[in-house]
Amino acid sequence: MRVLIACEFSATVREAFRRRGHDAVSCDLLPSDVSGPHIKGDVLAHLNDGWDLMIAHPPCTHLSVSGARHFAKKSVLQKQALDFVLLLLEAPIKHIALENPVSIISSRLRPPDQIIQPWQFGHEAQKTTCLWLKNLPLLVPTSIVGKGEFVIFKSGKKHPKWYSDAKSLTEKECKTLRSRTFQGIAEAMADQWGKEKLNGYQVGLFG
């Protein structure tokens, strides 16, 4: 199966598919953190390259509701981000999964098909992740564990400990950690969406 991992430089999902024998390639404006098949450039220029499956991780900077206080200042950037998401979802690829945190994609385009958490896939952590799917089944949890520790700040805000711990890293390291797909989720994607029987999966959830 030819698999495009769009907007990924960590190679987490790409390598999960490659370990299972798939021709998986990541694409991002940044170079890959891990050596392997990677296209450094605009993914929109490669959507017609004959992929069977695309898993897309569009940047959430201007989409996530966690930045709602800034929405009034960046309406143009939000429109550009949403236009990019729509181009990915409408790509000429039979099977598509697009992931993002809780974002304006839900209100401006449509609600996600599924919402998952790392603690459903073996990680004691919480990171609400929304999935928009095309011709793909819902991901089945693989190992349900505890939700992990939380930190409450003086402001009253509550964050998962893994997320707050990232503040001690450099800006690049922090961004990489917070945007990285949890390994258990990447493995589940490769196991469940990389099966040959997927070629016969005809029911589309997007539309």
N, C-alpha and C. Protein backbone atom coordinates (compact mmCIF):
# COMPACT_ATOMS: atom_id res chain seq x y z
N MET A 1 0.84 -1.19 0.00
CA MET A 1 0.00 0.00 0.00
C MET A 1 0.88 1.25 0.00
N ARG A 2 0.58 2.21 -0.87
CA ARG A 2 1.31 3.48 -0.90
C ARG A 2 0.63 4.45 0.06
N VAL A 3 1.37 4.91 1.03
CA VAL A 3 0.80 5.72 2.11
C VAL A 3 1.52 7.06 2.20
N LEU A 4 0.77 8.14 2.17
CA LEU A 4 1.31 9.49 2.33
C LEU A 4 0.98 9.98 3.73
N ILE A 5 2.00 10.35 4.49
CA ILE A 5 1.80 10.94 5.81
C ILE A 5 2.04 12.44 5.65
N ALA A 6 0.97 13.20 5.55
CA ALA A 6 1.06 14.63 5.25
C ALA A 6 1.30 15.45 6.51
N CYS A 7 2.20 16.41 6.37
CA CYS A 7 2.51 17.35 7.47
C CYS A 7 3.09 16.61 8.68
N GLU A 8 4.02 15.71 8.41
CA GLU A 8 4.69 15.00 9.50
C GLU A 8 6.20 15.06 9.29
N PHE A 9 6.92 15.57 10.30
CA PHE A 9 8.39 15.54 10.24
C PHE A 9 8.97 14.64 11.31
N SER A 10 8.14 14.16 12.25
CA SER A 10 8.63 13.29 13.32
C SER A 10 8.85 11.85 12.83
N ALA A 11 8.17 11.47 11.75
CA ALA A 11 8.25 10.13 11.15
C ALA A 11 7.60 9.05 12.00
N THR A 12 6.87 9.41 13.03
CA THR A 12 6.26 8.41 13.92
C THR A 12 5.28 7.52 13.17
N VAL A 13 4.35 8.11 12.44
CA VAL A 13 3.35 7.33 11.70
C VAL A 13 3.98 6.68 10.48
N ARG A 14 4.83 7.43 9.80
CA ARG A 14 5.50 6.87 8.61
C ARG A 14 6.23 5.57 8.93
N GLU A 15 7.01 5.58 10.00
CA GLU A 15 7.80 4.40 10.34
C GLU A 15 6.93 3.24 10.83
N ALA A 16 5.79 3.55 11.47
CA ALA A 16 4.87 2.49 11.89
C ALA A 16 4.36 1.72 10.68
N PHE A 17 4.03 2.44 9.61
CA PHE A 17 3.57 1.77 8.38
C PHE A 17 4.71 1.05 7.68
N ARG A 18 5.89 1.63 7.66
CA ARG A 18 7.02 1.01 6.96
C ARG A 18 7.44 -0.29 7.64
N ARG A 19 7.33 -0.34 8.96
CA ARG A 19 7.67 -1.57 9.67
C ARG A 19 6.74 -2.72 9.27
N ARG A 20 5.60 -2.39 8.73
CA ARG A 20 4.64 -3.41 8.30
C ARG A 20 4.71 -3.66 6.79
N GLY A 21 5.75 -3.13 6.17
CA GLY A 21 5.99 -3.42 4.76
C GLY A 21 5.34 -2.49 3.76
N HIS A 22 4.75 -1.39 4.22
CA HIS A 22 4.08 -0.47 3.30
C HIS A 22 5.06 0.57 2.74
N ASP A 23 4.75 1.06 1.57
CA ASP A 23 5.55 2.12 0.94
C ASP A 23 5.04 3.46 1.48
N ALA A 24 5.49 3.81 2.67
CA ALA A 24 5.02 5.02 3.35
C ALA A 24 6.05 6.14 3.22
N VAL A 25 5.54 7.33 2.90
CA VAL A 25 6.38 8.50 2.70
C VAL A 25 5.78 9.67 3.48
N SER A 26 6.61 10.38 4.22
CA SER A 26 6.13 11.56 4.92
C SER A 26 6.42 12.80 4.08
N CYS A 27 5.69 13.87 4.35
CA CYS A 27 5.87 15.12 3.61
C CYS A 27 5.64 16.29 4.55
N ASP A 28 6.55 17.25 4.54
CA ASP A 28 6.40 18.42 5.40
C ASP A 28 7.32 19.52 4.86
N LEU A 29 7.05 20.75 5.26
CA LEU A 29 7.92 21.85 4.87
C LEU A 29 9.27 21.74 5.58
N LEU A 30 9.30 21.00 6.70
CA LEU A 30 10.52 20.78 7.46
C LEU A 30 11.15 19.45 7.08
N PRO A 31 12.45 19.30 7.26
CA PRO A 31 13.07 17.99 7.03
C PRO A 31 12.63 16.99 8.08
N SER A 32 12.74 15.72 7.78
CA SER A 32 12.33 14.68 8.72
C SER A 32 13.34 14.55 9.85
N ASP A 33 12.83 14.30 11.06
CA ASP A 33 13.70 14.08 12.21
C ASP A 33 14.39 12.72 12.13
N VAL A 34 13.83 11.82 11.33
CA VAL A 34 14.36 10.46 11.20
C VAL A 34 14.62 10.20 9.73
N SER A 35 15.79 9.65 9.42
CA SER A 35 16.11 9.37 8.01
C SER A 35 15.13 8.35 7.45
N GLY A 36 14.75 8.54 6.20
CA GLY A 36 13.78 7.68 5.55
C GLY A 36 13.08 8.43 4.45
N PRO A 37 12.15 7.79 3.74
CA PRO A 37 11.45 8.44 2.62
C PRO A 37 10.68 9.67 3.09
N HIS A 38 11.10 10.83 2.65
CA HIS A 38 10.49 12.08 3.10
C HIS A 38 10.56 13.11 1.98
N ILE A 39 9.44 13.78 1.75
CA ILE A 39 9.39 14.87 0.77
C ILE A 39 9.40 16.19 1.53
N LYS A 40 10.43 16.98 1.32
CA LYS A 40 10.50 18.29 1.96
C LYS A 40 9.89 19.30 0.99
N GLY A 41 8.68 19.72 1.30
CA GLY A 41 7.99 20.63 0.41
C GLY A 41 6.50 20.70 0.70
N ASP A 42 5.77 21.35 -0.19
CA ASP A 42 4.33 21.55 -0.05
C ASP A 42 3.59 20.27 -0.43
N VAL A 43 2.86 19.70 0.52
CA VAL A 43 2.17 18.44 0.26
C VAL A 43 1.10 18.57 -0.82
N LEU A 44 0.56 19.77 -1.02
CA LEU A 44 -0.48 19.95 -2.03
C LEU A 44 0.04 19.62 -3.44
N ALA A 45 1.34 19.73 -3.63
CA ALA A 45 1.92 19.43 -4.94
C ALA A 45 2.07 17.94 -5.18
N HIS A 46 1.74 17.13 -4.16
CA HIS A 46 1.97 15.68 -4.28
C HIS A 46 0.71 14.85 -4.03
N LEU A 47 -0.45 15.48 -3.99
CA LEU A 47 -1.68 14.75 -3.69
C LEU A 47 -2.12 13.85 -4.84
N ASN A 48 -1.61 14.10 -6.03
CA ASN A 48 -2.01 13.32 -7.21
C ASN A 48 -0.99 12.26 -7.59
N ASP A 49 -0.13 11.88 -6.65
CA ASP A 49 0.97 10.96 -6.97
C ASP A 49 0.63 9.48 -6.78
N GLY A 50 -0.64 9.16 -6.77
CA GLY A 50 -1.04 7.75 -6.77
C GLY A 50 -1.00 7.07 -5.41
N TRP A 51 -1.46 7.75 -4.37
CA TRP A 51 -1.47 7.17 -3.03
C TRP A 51 -2.74 6.35 -2.81
N ASP A 52 -2.63 5.31 -1.99
CA ASP A 52 -3.80 4.52 -1.60
C ASP A 52 -4.43 5.07 -0.32
N LEU A 53 -3.60 5.65 0.53
CA LEU A 53 -4.04 6.13 1.84
C LEU A 53 -3.24 7.37 2.20
N MET A 54 -3.92 8.35 2.77
CA MET A 54 -3.23 9.53 3.31
C MET A 54 -3.67 9.75 4.75
N ILE A 55 -2.70 9.95 5.61
CA ILE A 55 -2.97 10.37 6.98
C ILE A 55 -2.38 11.76 7.13
N ALA A 56 -3.21 12.74 7.40
CA ALA A 56 -2.78 14.14 7.39
C ALA A 56 -2.83 14.75 8.79
N HIS A 57 -1.81 15.53 9.08
CA HIS A 57 -1.70 16.22 10.37
C HIS A 57 -1.52 17.71 10.13
N PRO A 58 -2.52 18.40 9.58
CA PRO A 58 -2.34 19.82 9.28
C PRO A 58 -2.04 20.64 10.53
N PRO A 59 -1.21 21.68 10.43
CA PRO A 59 -0.87 22.51 11.58
C PRO A 59 -2.13 23.05 12.26
N CYS A 60 -2.13 23.01 13.59
CA CYS A 60 -3.33 23.41 14.33
C CYS A 60 -3.21 24.82 14.91
N THR A 61 -2.10 25.52 14.62
CA THR A 61 -1.84 26.83 15.23
C THR A 61 -3.01 27.79 15.10
N HIS A 62 -3.62 27.85 13.93
CA HIS A 62 -4.71 28.80 13.69
C HIS A 62 -6.09 28.13 13.71
N LEU A 63 -6.12 26.85 14.12
CA LEU A 63 -7.38 26.09 14.12
C LEU A 63 -7.83 25.69 15.51
N SER A 64 -6.90 25.39 16.39
CA SER A 64 -7.23 24.86 17.71
C SER A 64 -8.02 25.86 18.55
N VAL A 65 -9.03 25.36 19.26
CA VAL A 65 -9.84 26.24 20.11
C VAL A 65 -9.06 26.70 21.34
N SER A 66 -7.90 26.09 21.61
CA SER A 66 -7.08 26.54 22.73
C SER A 66 -6.58 27.96 22.52
N GLY A 67 -6.58 28.41 21.26
CA GLY A 67 -6.16 29.78 20.98
C GLY A 67 -7.34 30.70 20.68
N ALA A 68 -8.49 30.38 21.22
CA ALA A 68 -9.72 31.13 20.91
C ALA A 68 -9.60 32.62 21.22
N ARG A 69 -8.81 32.98 22.23
CA ARG A 69 -8.71 34.40 22.61
C ARG A 69 -8.07 35.24 21.51
N HIS A 70 -7.41 34.58 20.55
CA HIS A 70 -6.75 35.31 19.47
C HIS A 70 -7.54 35.27 18.17
N PHE A 71 -8.68 34.62 18.17
CA PHE A 71 -9.43 34.40 16.93
C PHE A 71 -9.75 35.72 16.19
N ALA A 72 -10.11 36.76 16.94
CA ALA A 72 -10.51 38.01 16.30
C ALA A 72 -9.38 38.63 15.49
N LYS A 73 -8.15 38.30 15.85
CA LYS A 73 -6.98 38.91 15.20
C LYS A 73 -6.49 38.13 13.99
N LYS A 74 -6.98 36.92 13.81
CA LYS A 74 -6.40 36.10 12.74
C LYS A 74 -7.44 35.42 11.86
N SER A 75 -8.46 36.15 11.47
CA SER A 75 -9.50 35.57 10.63
C SER A 75 -8.95 35.15 9.27
N VAL A 76 -8.02 35.93 8.73
CA VAL A 76 -7.44 35.60 7.42
C VAL A 76 -6.62 34.32 7.52
N LEU A 77 -5.81 34.22 8.58
CA LEU A 77 -5.00 33.02 8.78
C LEU A 77 -5.87 31.79 9.01
N GLN A 78 -6.98 31.98 9.71
CA GLN A 78 -7.91 30.87 9.94
C GLN A 78 -8.52 30.39 8.63
N LYS A 79 -8.90 31.32 7.78
CA LYS A 79 -9.48 30.94 6.49
C LYS A 79 -8.46 30.16 5.66
N GLN A 80 -7.22 30.61 5.66
CA GLN A 80 -6.18 29.92 4.91
C GLN A 80 -5.97 28.51 5.45
N ALA A 81 -5.99 28.39 6.77
CA ALA A 81 -5.81 27.08 7.40
C ALA A 81 -6.97 26.14 7.07
N LEU A 82 -8.18 26.67 7.10
CA LEU A 82 -9.35 25.85 6.77
C LEU A 82 -9.36 25.46 5.30
N ASP A 83 -8.95 26.37 4.43
CA ASP A 83 -8.87 26.05 2.99
C ASP A 83 -7.88 24.91 2.77
N PHE A 84 -6.78 24.93 3.51
CA PHE A 84 -5.77 23.87 3.40
C PHE A 84 -6.35 22.53 3.84
N VAL A 85 -7.08 22.54 4.96
CA VAL A 85 -7.72 21.33 5.47
C VAL A 85 -8.69 20.77 4.43
N LEU A 86 -9.48 21.64 3.83
CA LEU A 86 -10.48 21.19 2.85
C LEU A 86 -9.80 20.57 1.63
N LEU A 87 -8.69 21.15 1.19
CA LEU A 87 -7.96 20.58 0.06
C LEU A 87 -7.43 19.18 0.39
N LEU A 88 -7.02 18.98 1.62
CA LEU A 88 -6.55 17.66 2.04
C LEU A 88 -7.71 16.67 2.06
N LEU A 89 -8.83 17.07 2.64
CA LEU A 89 -9.97 16.17 2.74
C LEU A 89 -10.56 15.82 1.38
N GLU A 90 -10.42 16.72 0.42
CA GLU A 90 -10.98 16.49 -0.92
C GLU A 90 -9.93 15.96 -1.90
N ALA A 91 -8.79 15.54 -1.39
CA ALA A 91 -7.72 15.03 -2.25
C ALA A 91 -8.19 13.78 -3.00
N PRO A 92 -7.68 13.53 -4.19
CA PRO A 92 -8.06 12.35 -4.98
C PRO A 92 -7.37 11.09 -4.47
N ILE A 93 -7.59 10.77 -3.22
CA ILE A 93 -7.02 9.59 -2.57
C ILE A 93 -8.18 8.82 -1.95
N LYS A 94 -8.23 7.52 -2.19
CA LYS A 94 -9.41 6.74 -1.78
C LYS A 94 -9.63 6.74 -0.27
N HIS A 95 -8.56 6.56 0.50
CA HIS A 95 -8.68 6.46 1.95
C HIS A 95 -7.94 7.63 2.61
N ILE A 96 -8.66 8.39 3.43
CA ILE A 96 -8.06 9.58 4.06
C ILE A 96 -8.43 9.64 5.53
N ALA A 97 -7.44 9.97 6.35
CA ALA A 97 -7.67 10.30 7.76
C ALA A 97 -6.98 11.62 8.03
N LEU A 98 -7.69 12.55 8.62
CA LEU A 98 -7.12 13.84 8.99
C LEU A 98 -7.30 14.01 10.48
N GLU A 99 -6.21 14.34 11.19
CA GLU A 99 -6.29 14.49 12.64
C GLU A 99 -5.95 15.92 13.05
N ASN A 100 -6.59 16.35 14.13
CA ASN A 100 -6.38 17.67 14.70
C ASN A 100 -6.92 17.66 16.12
N PRO A 101 -6.45 18.56 16.97
CA PRO A 101 -7.08 18.68 18.28
C PRO A 101 -8.48 19.29 18.12
N VAL A 102 -9.17 19.50 19.21
CA VAL A 102 -10.48 20.15 19.14
C VAL A 102 -10.28 21.51 18.47
N SER A 103 -10.97 21.73 17.36
CA SER A 103 -10.67 22.91 16.55
C SER A 103 -11.91 23.43 15.85
N ILE A 104 -11.70 24.53 15.12
CA ILE A 104 -12.82 25.14 14.39
C ILE A 104 -13.19 24.34 13.14
N ILE A 105 -12.43 23.30 12.84
CA ILE A 105 -12.82 22.42 11.73
C ILE A 105 -14.22 21.87 12.01
N SER A 106 -14.49 21.56 13.28
CA SER A 106 -15.78 20.97 13.66
C SER A 106 -16.94 21.90 13.39
N SER A 107 -16.75 23.19 13.66
CA SER A 107 -17.85 24.15 13.49
C SER A 107 -17.90 24.76 12.10
N ARG A 108 -16.76 24.89 11.44
CA ARG A 108 -16.73 25.55 10.13
C ARG A 108 -16.92 24.56 8.98
N LEU A 109 -16.46 23.32 9.15
CA LEU A 109 -16.61 22.32 8.09
C LEU A 109 -17.61 21.25 8.50
N ARG A 110 -17.25 20.42 9.45
CA ARG A 110 -18.19 19.44 9.99
C ARG A 110 -17.54 18.76 11.20
N PRO A 111 -18.37 18.13 12.05
CA PRO A 111 -17.84 17.44 13.23
C PRO A 111 -16.94 16.27 12.82
N PRO A 112 -16.02 15.87 13.69
CA PRO A 112 -15.16 14.72 13.38
C PRO A 112 -15.95 13.42 13.40
N ASP A 113 -15.41 12.40 12.77
CA ASP A 113 -16.02 11.07 12.79
C ASP A 113 -15.70 10.34 14.09
N GLN A 114 -14.59 10.70 14.71
CA GLN A 114 -14.17 10.01 15.93
C GLN A 114 -13.27 10.92 16.76
N ILE A 115 -13.36 10.76 18.08
CA ILE A 115 -12.46 11.46 19.00
C ILE A 115 -11.76 10.40 19.83
N ILE A 116 -10.43 10.43 19.83
CA ILE A 116 -9.66 9.42 20.55
C ILE A 116 -8.73 10.07 21.57
N GLN A 117 -8.21 9.23 22.49
CA GLN A 117 -7.28 9.66 23.52
C GLN A 117 -6.08 8.69 23.56
N PRO A 118 -4.90 9.17 23.91
CA PRO A 118 -3.75 8.27 24.05
C PRO A 118 -3.98 7.15 25.05
N TRP A 119 -4.78 7.42 26.12
CA TRP A 119 -5.01 6.39 27.13
C TRP A 119 -5.84 5.21 26.61
N GLN A 120 -6.40 5.35 25.42
CA GLN A 120 -7.09 4.23 24.78
C GLN A 120 -6.13 3.33 24.00
N PHE A 121 -4.86 3.80 23.90
CA PHE A 121 -3.89 3.09 23.08
C PHE A 121 -2.58 2.86 23.85
N GLY A 122 -2.69 2.69 25.17
CA GLY A 122 -1.55 2.27 25.96
C GLY A 122 -0.72 3.35 26.61
N HIS A 123 -1.09 4.62 26.46
CA HIS A 123 -0.31 5.71 27.05
C HIS A 123 -1.10 6.36 28.18
N GLU A 124 -0.50 6.49 29.34
CA GLU A 124 -1.18 7.15 30.45
C GLU A 124 -1.10 8.67 30.26
N ALA A 125 -1.90 9.14 29.35
CA ALA A 125 -1.89 10.56 29.00
C ALA A 125 -3.20 10.94 28.34
N GLN A 126 -3.52 12.22 28.43
CA GLN A 126 -4.74 12.73 27.78
C GLN A 126 -4.35 13.78 26.75
N LYS A 127 -4.83 13.59 25.54
CA LYS A 127 -4.64 14.55 24.45
C LYS A 127 -5.79 14.32 23.47
N THR A 128 -6.82 15.11 23.60
CA THR A 128 -8.01 14.92 22.79
C THR A 128 -7.67 15.10 21.31
N THR A 129 -7.89 14.05 20.54
CA THR A 129 -7.53 14.06 19.12
C THR A 129 -8.75 13.71 18.29
N CYS A 130 -9.09 14.60 17.35
CA CYS A 130 -10.26 14.39 16.49
C CYS A 130 -9.81 13.82 15.15
N LEU A 131 -10.62 12.92 14.61
CA LEU A 131 -10.31 12.28 13.33
C LEU A 131 -11.45 12.51 12.35
N TRP A 132 -11.10 13.01 11.17
CA TRP A 132 -12.05 13.11 10.06
C TRP A 132 -11.65 12.03 9.06
N LEU A 133 -12.59 11.18 8.68
CA LEU A 133 -12.26 9.98 7.92
C LEU A 133 -12.99 9.89 6.59
N LYS A 134 -12.32 9.31 5.62
CA LYS A 134 -12.93 9.02 4.31
C LYS A 134 -12.59 7.58 3.95
N ASN A 135 -13.62 6.77 3.79
CA ASN A 135 -13.45 5.35 3.45
C ASN A 135 -12.52 4.62 4.41
N LEU A 136 -12.67 4.90 5.68
CA LEU A 136 -11.88 4.24 6.72
C LEU A 136 -12.78 3.89 7.90
N PRO A 137 -12.53 2.77 8.54
CA PRO A 137 -13.28 2.43 9.75
C PRO A 137 -12.75 3.22 10.94
N LEU A 138 -13.55 3.32 11.97
CA LEU A 138 -13.10 3.96 13.20
C LEU A 138 -11.95 3.17 13.80
N LEU A 139 -11.03 3.87 14.45
CA LEU A 139 -9.94 3.17 15.13
C LEU A 139 -10.47 2.46 16.37
N VAL A 140 -10.08 1.23 16.55
CA VAL A 140 -10.50 0.45 17.72
C VAL A 140 -9.43 0.58 18.79
N PRO A 141 -9.79 1.00 20.02
CA PRO A 141 -8.80 1.09 21.11
C PRO A 141 -8.08 -0.23 21.30
N THR A 142 -6.79 -0.14 21.61
CA THR A 142 -5.97 -1.35 21.72
C THR A 142 -5.62 -1.70 23.16
N SER A 143 -5.49 -0.69 24.03
CA SER A 143 -5.10 -0.95 25.42
C SER A 143 -5.50 0.24 26.28
N ILE A 144 -6.59 0.10 27.01
CA ILE A 144 -7.08 1.21 27.83
C ILE A 144 -6.37 1.21 29.18
N VAL A 145 -5.74 2.36 29.47
CA VAL A 145 -4.99 2.52 30.72
C VAL A 145 -5.47 3.78 31.44
N GLY A 146 -4.79 4.17 32.51
CA GLY A 146 -5.16 5.37 33.24
C GLY A 146 -4.91 6.64 32.43
N LYS A 147 -5.51 7.73 32.83
CA LYS A 147 -5.41 8.98 32.09
C LYS A 147 -4.18 9.81 32.46
N GLY A 148 -3.38 9.32 33.40
CA GLY A 148 -2.15 10.03 33.74
C GLY A 148 -2.37 11.18 34.69
N GLU A 149 -1.27 11.88 35.02
CA GLU A 149 -1.32 12.98 35.98
C GLU A 149 -1.68 14.30 35.30
N PHE A 150 -2.23 15.21 36.11
CA PHE A 150 -2.56 16.55 35.64
C PHE A 150 -1.91 17.58 36.54
N VAL A 151 -1.66 18.74 35.98
CA VAL A 151 -1.07 19.85 36.74
C VAL A 151 -2.05 21.02 36.69
N ILE A 152 -2.34 21.59 37.86
CA ILE A 152 -3.22 22.76 37.94
C ILE A 152 -2.36 23.98 38.23
N PHE A 153 -2.42 24.97 37.37
CA PHE A 153 -1.64 26.19 37.51
C PHE A 153 -2.36 27.20 38.40
N LYS A 154 -1.63 28.23 38.81
CA LYS A 154 -2.20 29.26 39.67
C LYS A 154 -3.40 29.93 39.02
N SER A 155 -3.39 30.00 37.70
CA SER A 155 -4.50 30.61 36.97
C SER A 155 -5.76 29.76 37.02
N GLY A 156 -5.60 28.50 37.48
CA GLY A 156 -6.74 27.58 37.52
C GLY A 156 -6.78 26.65 36.33
N LYS A 157 -5.93 26.89 35.32
CA LYS A 157 -5.90 26.03 34.15
C LYS A 157 -5.33 24.66 34.52
N LYS A 158 -5.88 23.64 33.90
CA LYS A 158 -5.46 22.27 34.16
C LYS A 158 -4.92 21.64 32.88
N HIS A 159 -3.70 21.14 32.94
CA HIS A 159 -3.08 20.52 31.78
C HIS A 159 -2.52 19.15 32.14
N PRO A 160 -2.50 18.22 31.18
CA PRO A 160 -1.83 16.95 31.43
C PRO A 160 -0.37 17.20 31.77
N LYS A 161 0.20 16.40 32.66
CA LYS A 161 1.58 16.61 33.10
C LYS A 161 2.56 16.53 31.93
N TRP A 162 2.35 15.60 31.01
CA TRP A 162 3.28 15.47 29.89
C TRP A 162 3.31 16.75 29.07
N TYR A 163 2.16 17.43 28.99
CA TYR A 163 2.04 18.65 28.20
C TYR A 163 2.74 19.81 28.90
N SER A 164 2.51 19.93 30.21
CA SER A 164 3.13 21.03 30.96
C SER A 164 4.63 20.83 31.11
N ASP A 165 5.09 19.58 31.18
CA ASP A 165 6.52 19.31 31.28
C ASP A 165 7.28 19.80 30.05
N ALA A 166 6.59 19.87 28.93
CA ALA A 166 7.25 20.29 27.69
C ALA A 166 7.72 21.74 27.76
N LYS A 167 7.17 22.51 28.69
CA LYS A 167 7.57 23.92 28.79
C LYS A 167 9.03 24.07 29.17
N SER A 168 9.62 23.04 29.75
CA SER A 168 11.02 23.10 30.16
C SER A 168 11.97 22.85 28.98
N LEU A 169 11.43 22.47 27.83
CA LEU A 169 12.24 22.19 26.65
C LEU A 169 12.44 23.45 25.82
N THR A 170 13.29 23.36 24.81
CA THR A 170 13.44 24.47 23.88
C THR A 170 12.15 24.62 23.09
N GLU A 171 11.97 25.75 22.44
CA GLU A 171 10.72 25.99 21.70
C GLU A 171 10.50 24.92 20.63
N LYS A 172 11.59 24.54 19.92
CA LYS A 172 11.45 23.52 18.88
C LYS A 172 11.12 22.16 19.48
N GLU A 173 11.80 21.80 20.58
CA GLU A 173 11.55 20.51 21.23
C GLU A 173 10.13 20.45 21.77
N CYS A 174 9.68 21.57 22.34
CA CYS A 174 8.32 21.65 22.89
C CYS A 174 7.28 21.45 21.79
N LYS A 175 7.45 22.14 20.68
CA LYS A 175 6.51 22.03 19.56
C LYS A 175 6.49 20.61 19.01
N THR A 176 7.68 20.01 18.90
CA THR A 176 7.76 18.65 18.37
C THR A 176 7.06 17.66 19.28
N LEU A 177 7.30 17.77 20.59
CA LEU A 177 6.69 16.85 21.55
C LEU A 177 5.17 16.97 21.55
N ARG A 178 4.68 18.19 21.57
CA ARG A 178 3.24 18.40 21.68
C ARG A 178 2.50 18.04 20.39
N SER A 179 3.18 18.11 19.26
CA SER A 179 2.52 17.79 17.99
C SER A 179 2.69 16.33 17.59
N ARG A 180 3.62 15.62 18.22
CA ARG A 180 3.93 14.25 17.83
C ARG A 180 2.76 13.30 18.11
N THR A 181 2.49 12.42 17.19
CA THR A 181 1.48 11.39 17.38
C THR A 181 2.00 10.38 18.40
N PHE A 182 1.19 10.02 19.37
CA PHE A 182 1.60 9.02 20.35
C PHE A 182 1.84 7.69 19.63
N GLN A 183 2.88 6.99 20.06
CA GLN A 183 3.30 5.78 19.38
C GLN A 183 2.19 4.73 19.29
N GLY A 184 1.43 4.57 20.38
CA GLY A 184 0.35 3.59 20.38
C GLY A 184 -0.71 3.88 19.35
N ILE A 185 -0.98 5.17 19.11
CA ILE A 185 -1.97 5.55 18.10
C ILE A 185 -1.41 5.29 16.71
N ALA A 186 -0.13 5.60 16.51
CA ALA A 186 0.51 5.35 15.21
C ALA A 186 0.49 3.85 14.89
N GLU A 187 0.77 3.03 15.89
CA GLU A 187 0.78 1.58 15.67
C GLU A 187 -0.63 1.08 15.33
N ALA A 188 -1.64 1.63 16.00
CA ALA A 188 -3.02 1.23 15.72
C ALA A 188 -3.43 1.63 14.30
N MET A 189 -3.02 2.82 13.87
CA MET A 189 -3.31 3.25 12.50
C MET A 189 -2.71 2.28 11.49
N ALA A 190 -1.44 1.93 11.73
CA ALA A 190 -0.75 1.04 10.79
C ALA A 190 -1.36 -0.36 10.80
N ASP A 191 -1.72 -0.86 11.98
CA ASP A 191 -2.31 -2.19 12.08
C ASP A 191 -3.70 -2.25 11.46
N GLN A 192 -4.52 -1.26 11.77
CA GLN A 192 -5.93 -1.31 11.39
C GLN A 192 -6.22 -0.72 10.01
N TRP A 193 -5.49 0.30 9.62
CA TRP A 193 -5.73 0.93 8.32
C TRP A 193 -4.76 0.45 7.25
N GLY A 194 -3.79 -0.38 7.64
CA GLY A 194 -2.84 -0.88 6.67
C GLY A 194 -3.15 -2.28 6.19
N LYS A 195 -4.31 -2.80 6.54
CA LYS A 195 -4.67 -4.16 6.15
C LYS A 195 -5.13 -4.20 4.69
N GLU A 196 -4.85 -5.31 4.06
CA GLU A 196 -5.24 -5.47 2.65
C GLU A 196 -6.75 -5.37 2.46
N LYS A 197 -7.50 -5.84 3.46
CA LYS A 197 -8.96 -5.83 3.30
C LYS A 197 -9.51 -4.41 3.20
N LEU A 198 -8.68 -3.42 3.53
CA LEU A 198 -9.10 -2.03 3.42
C LEU A 198 -9.46 -1.67 1.99
N ASN A 199 -8.83 -2.37 1.04
CA ASN A 199 -9.10 -2.09 -0.37
C ASN A 199 -10.56 -2.34 -0.73
N GLY A 200 -11.24 -3.17 0.05
CA GLY A 200 -12.63 -3.46 -0.22
C GLY A 200 -13.59 -2.67 0.65
N TYR A 201 -13.03 -1.73 1.46
CA TYR A 201 -13.88 -0.96 2.36
C TYR A 201 -14.53 0.17 1.56
N GLN A 202 -15.83 0.09 1.36
CA GLN A 202 -16.51 0.99 0.45
C GLN A 202 -17.32 2.09 1.14
N VAL A 203 -17.62 1.91 2.42
CA VAL A 203 -18.50 2.87 3.09
C VAL A 203 -17.69 4.08 3.54
N GLY A 204 -17.99 5.23 2.98
CA GLY A 204 -17.25 6.45 3.33
C GLY A 204 -17.90 7.15 4.51
N LEU A 205 -17.11 7.59 5.47
CA LEU A 205 -17.63 8.32 6.62
C LEU A 205 -17.59 9.82 6.39
N PHE A 206 -16.84 10.26 5.38
CA PHE A 206 -16.77 11.67 5.08
C PHE A 206 -17.71 12.00 3.92
N GLY A 207 -18.51 13.05 4.10
CA GLY A 207 -19.40 13.42 3.01
C GLY A 207 -20.74 13.88 3.53
